[in-house]
Amino acid sequence: MDRTIIRLGACHVDQATATLVAAFMDDPAMCWMFPDPAVRARRLPGLMHWSVTDHLRHGMVLGTAGAEAVTLWRPPGAVHEHAPLTPIMLVRFLAMLGTAVLRAERLDRTIERHLPAGEAQFYLRMAGVHPRWQGKGLGGLAIRSGLAEAEAAGLPQVLETAKEGNVGIYRALGFKVIDTWRVARNGPLFWTMQREAAPQARASTSSLAPSTTISR
């Protein structure tokens, strides 16, 4: 398979969605949002499809050409962006998430409160590798490509994870834990992590092979 990391586009949405669904089916945050496994299996594809398309519009989607590995990034200017829950959006999210819409909104707001203030940073919103391709270094390749984008801009990077096993992986990439928190008393534990920009960061450039033009 091609291990080159590219900017994914509209033609990759279905593959990227399938990868993220498979990667996050047992994620603690998703299990908290959708405690019933049958409901989770039914609702997660809609959520991941929306996440991918939303980041194509307002962020940066990096991954392998076959979308075996996918990362969703929020660049400066979109880190704290949060769509207002208007009546129209509420109807849309209710159709997508069902009764989990309230937990999803609570999680989103809580994540935002624990991110560092300001927009001068890159935010790794989600990273996943399809289980069939895990353990081959693809996730690290995709994440490092995003880190390179941030380094070229001279900006720090931030993320959160609800999997303790991921903390060591991100530490190996240069991230440090800056906060731990729970979305609810019975909710999963999250680690917010930050990676400082390297002092020798260059002027903003990109060496990624483009698959489509990113609007933002």
Protein backbone atom coordinates (compact mmCIF):
# COMPACT_ATOMS: atom_id res chain seq x y z
CA MET A 1 0.00 0.00 0.00
CA ASP A 2 1.02 3.62 -0.54
CA ARG A 3 2.31 5.12 2.72
CA THR A 4 2.44 8.65 1.33
CA ILE A 5 0.44 11.12 3.44
CA ILE A 6 -1.76 13.46 1.43
CA ARG A 7 -4.51 16.01 2.00
CA LEU A 8 -7.67 13.99 1.67
CA GLY A 9 -10.62 15.39 -0.22
CA ALA A 10 -14.25 14.80 -1.10
CA CYS A 11 -13.42 11.59 -2.97
CA HIS A 12 -12.07 10.08 0.26
CA VAL A 13 -15.05 10.85 2.51
CA ASP A 14 -16.59 7.38 2.50
CA GLN A 15 -13.27 5.61 3.08
CA ALA A 16 -12.23 8.06 5.80
CA THR A 17 -15.61 7.67 7.50
CA ALA A 18 -15.31 3.88 7.52
CA THR A 19 -11.80 4.09 8.99
CA LEU A 20 -12.84 6.42 11.81
CA VAL A 21 -15.94 4.37 12.60
CA ALA A 22 -13.85 1.21 12.93
CA ALA A 23 -11.10 2.98 14.90
CA PHE A 24 -13.45 4.70 17.38
CA MET A 25 -16.09 2.01 17.90
CA ASP A 26 -14.61 1.15 21.31
CA ASP A 27 -13.26 4.59 22.16
CA PRO A 28 -14.18 5.61 25.75
CA ALA A 29 -15.68 8.91 24.61
CA MET A 30 -17.87 7.22 22.00
CA CYS A 31 -18.89 4.56 24.53
CA TRP A 32 -19.94 7.32 26.93
CA MET A 33 -21.93 9.10 24.24
CA PHE A 34 -23.54 5.87 23.00
CA PRO A 35 -23.56 3.35 25.87
CA ASP A 36 -25.62 0.82 23.89
CA PRO A 37 -23.28 -0.94 21.40
CA ALA A 38 -26.11 -1.40 18.89
CA VAL A 39 -26.96 2.31 19.00
CA ARG A 40 -23.27 3.18 18.70
CA ALA A 41 -22.89 1.01 15.61
CA ARG A 42 -25.93 2.68 14.06
CA ARG A 43 -25.11 6.28 14.96
CA LEU A 44 -21.31 6.48 14.69
CA PRO A 45 -21.17 6.42 10.86
CA GLY A 46 -23.29 9.57 10.67
CA LEU A 47 -21.17 11.35 13.27
CA MET A 48 -17.90 10.42 11.59
CA HIS A 49 -19.19 11.37 8.14
CA TRP A 50 -20.18 14.78 9.49
CA SER A 51 -16.78 15.16 11.21
CA VAL A 52 -14.84 14.41 8.04
CA THR A 53 -16.91 16.72 5.83
CA ASP A 54 -16.81 19.47 8.46
CA HIS A 55 -13.01 19.32 8.58
CA LEU A 56 -12.83 19.37 4.79
CA ARG A 57 -14.69 22.70 4.95
CA HIS A 58 -13.10 24.25 8.01
CA GLY A 59 -9.93 22.32 8.70
CA MET A 60 -7.37 19.92 7.30
CA VAL A 61 -7.81 16.18 6.68
CA LEU A 62 -4.55 14.27 6.29
CA GLY A 63 -4.11 10.56 5.71
CA THR A 64 -2.95 7.79 3.44
CA ALA A 65 -4.25 7.74 -0.11
CA GLY A 66 -6.53 4.81 0.73
CA ALA A 67 -7.66 6.48 3.97
CA GLU A 68 -6.33 3.57 6.03
CA ALA A 69 -5.09 6.27 8.41
CA VAL A 70 -6.97 9.55 8.90
CA THR A 71 -6.29 12.67 10.96
CA LEU A 72 -8.62 15.64 11.37
CA TRP A 73 -6.97 18.97 12.17
CA ARG A 74 -8.26 22.39 13.13
CA PRO A 75 -5.85 25.10 11.95
CA PRO A 76 -5.46 28.55 13.51
CA GLY A 77 -8.71 30.44 13.30
CA ALA A 78 -10.86 27.32 13.68
CA VAL A 79 -9.52 25.79 16.91
CA HIS A 80 -12.34 27.10 19.10
CA GLU A 81 -14.92 27.28 16.35
CA HIS A 82 -18.24 25.89 17.51
CA ALA A 83 -21.35 25.87 15.34
CA PRO A 84 -24.26 27.51 17.18
CA LEU A 85 -26.97 25.03 18.12
CA THR A 86 -29.73 26.74 16.18
CA PRO A 87 -33.14 25.05 15.80
CA ILE A 88 -32.18 23.89 12.30
CA MET A 89 -28.85 22.47 13.50
CA LEU A 90 -30.56 20.85 16.49
CA VAL A 91 -32.96 19.02 14.17
CA ARG A 92 -30.03 17.88 12.04
CA PHE A 93 -28.03 16.64 15.02
CA LEU A 94 -31.07 14.94 16.54
CA ALA A 95 -31.54 13.01 13.32
CA MET A 96 -27.85 12.08 13.34
CA LEU A 97 -27.30 11.36 17.04
CA GLY A 98 -30.72 10.74 18.54
CA THR A 99 -30.89 11.25 22.31
CA ALA A 100 -27.07 11.29 22.45
CA VAL A 101 -27.15 14.85 21.09
CA LEU A 102 -27.12 16.26 24.62
CA ARG A 103 -24.07 14.24 25.63
CA ALA A 104 -22.34 15.15 22.37
CA GLU A 105 -22.95 18.85 22.97
CA ARG A 106 -21.74 18.56 26.57
CA LEU A 107 -18.59 16.74 25.48
CA ASP A 108 -17.86 19.29 22.76
CA ARG A 109 -18.25 22.22 25.14
CA THR A 110 -16.13 20.55 27.81
CA ILE A 111 -13.34 19.75 25.37
CA GLU A 112 -13.30 23.38 24.28
CA ARG A 113 -12.99 24.61 27.88
CA HIS A 114 -9.89 22.50 28.38
CA LEU A 115 -8.09 23.61 25.23
CA PRO A 116 -5.46 26.33 25.60
CA ALA A 117 -6.88 29.78 24.93
CA GLY A 118 -6.29 31.53 21.64
CA GLU A 119 -6.14 30.54 18.00
CA ALA A 120 -2.37 30.49 17.46
CA GLN A 121 -2.14 26.70 17.49
CA PHE A 122 -3.00 23.58 15.51
CA TYR A 123 -5.55 21.22 17.04
CA LEU A 124 -5.48 17.50 16.30
CA ARG A 125 -9.19 16.79 16.68
CA MET A 126 -9.14 13.13 15.74
CA ALA A 127 -6.68 10.48 14.58
CA GLY A 128 -7.56 6.93 13.63
CA VAL A 129 -6.19 3.92 11.79
CA HIS A 130 -8.42 1.15 10.53
CA PRO A 131 -7.91 -1.91 12.77
CA ARG A 132 -6.75 -3.97 9.77
CA TRP A 133 -3.83 -1.58 9.33
CA GLN A 134 -2.92 -0.75 12.93
CA GLY A 135 0.60 -1.45 14.15
CA LYS A 136 2.24 -0.49 10.86
CA GLY A 137 3.18 3.09 11.75
CA LEU A 138 0.56 4.71 9.55
CA GLY A 139 -0.98 6.74 12.36
CA GLY A 140 2.39 8.16 13.31
CA LEU A 141 3.08 9.12 9.69
CA ALA A 142 -0.22 10.95 9.37
CA ILE A 143 0.19 12.75 12.69
CA ARG A 144 3.77 13.79 11.91
CA SER A 145 2.62 15.31 8.63
CA GLY A 146 0.22 17.53 10.57
CA LEU A 147 2.93 18.37 13.07
CA ALA A 148 5.17 19.41 10.18
CA GLU A 149 2.47 21.80 8.98
CA ALA A 150 2.33 23.36 12.45
CA GLU A 151 6.11 23.49 12.75
CA ALA A 152 6.36 25.24 9.38
CA ALA A 153 3.97 27.87 10.74
CA GLY A 154 5.93 28.11 14.00
CA LEU A 155 2.90 27.18 16.12
CA PRO A 156 2.26 24.71 18.95
CA GLN A 157 -0.07 21.73 18.66
CA VAL A 158 -2.77 20.47 21.02
CA LEU A 159 -4.98 17.39 21.31
CA GLU A 160 -7.01 15.41 23.80
CA THR A 161 -7.40 11.66 24.20
CA ALA A 162 -9.63 9.45 26.32
CA LYS A 163 -7.36 6.43 25.94
CA GLU A 164 -4.60 6.11 28.52
CA GLY A 165 -2.61 3.94 26.13
CA ASN A 166 -2.40 6.86 23.70
CA VAL A 167 -0.72 9.13 26.24
CA GLY A 168 2.65 7.40 25.90
CA ILE A 169 2.37 7.41 22.10
CA TYR A 170 1.78 11.16 22.04
CA ARG A 171 4.56 11.75 24.58
CA ALA A 172 6.92 9.98 22.19
CA LEU A 173 5.88 12.53 19.57
CA GLY A 174 6.80 15.40 21.89
CA PHE A 175 3.46 16.15 23.57
CA LYS A 176 3.12 16.85 27.29
CA VAL A 177 0.04 16.45 29.46
CA ILE A 178 -1.28 19.87 30.46
CA ASP A 179 -4.65 18.86 31.93
CA THR A 180 -6.74 15.85 32.96
CA TRP A 181 -10.50 15.99 33.31
CA ARG A 182 -13.80 14.16 33.07
CA VAL A 183 -16.79 15.26 31.03
CA ALA A 184 -19.10 13.97 33.77
CA ARG A 185 -18.81 12.23 37.11
CA ASN A 186 -19.32 8.86 35.43
CA GLY A 187 -17.60 9.85 32.20
CA PRO A 188 -14.19 8.79 30.88
CA LEU A 189 -10.95 10.46 31.90
CA PHE A 190 -9.42 12.73 29.27
CA TRP A 191 -5.85 13.94 28.85
CA THR A 192 -5.28 17.28 27.14
CA MET A 193 -1.77 17.41 25.67
CA GLN A 194 0.32 20.12 24.04
CA ARG A 195 3.47 20.14 21.93
CA GLU A 196 5.47 23.35 21.77
CA ALA A 197 6.65 24.77 18.47
CA ALA A 198 10.31 24.19 17.73
CA PRO A 199 12.44 27.35 17.98
CA GLN A 200 13.84 26.76 14.48
CA ALA A 201 10.37 26.61 12.87
CA ARG A 202 10.48 27.74 9.26
CA ALA A 203 8.17 30.03 7.33
CA SER A 204 4.91 28.32 6.45
CA THR A 205 5.31 25.82 3.60
CA SER A 206 3.83 22.45 2.76
CA SER A 207 5.38 19.35 1.21
CA LEU A 208 2.20 17.27 1.29
CA ALA A 209 0.84 15.89 -1.95
CA PRO A 210 -2.52 17.62 -2.47
CA SER A 211 -5.58 15.65 -3.45
CA THR A 212 -7.87 18.68 -3.42
CA THR A 213 -7.82 22.35 -2.53
CA ILE A 214 -8.64 23.08 1.10
CA SER A 215 -10.89 26.07 1.56
CA ARG A 216 -9.51 26.99 4.93
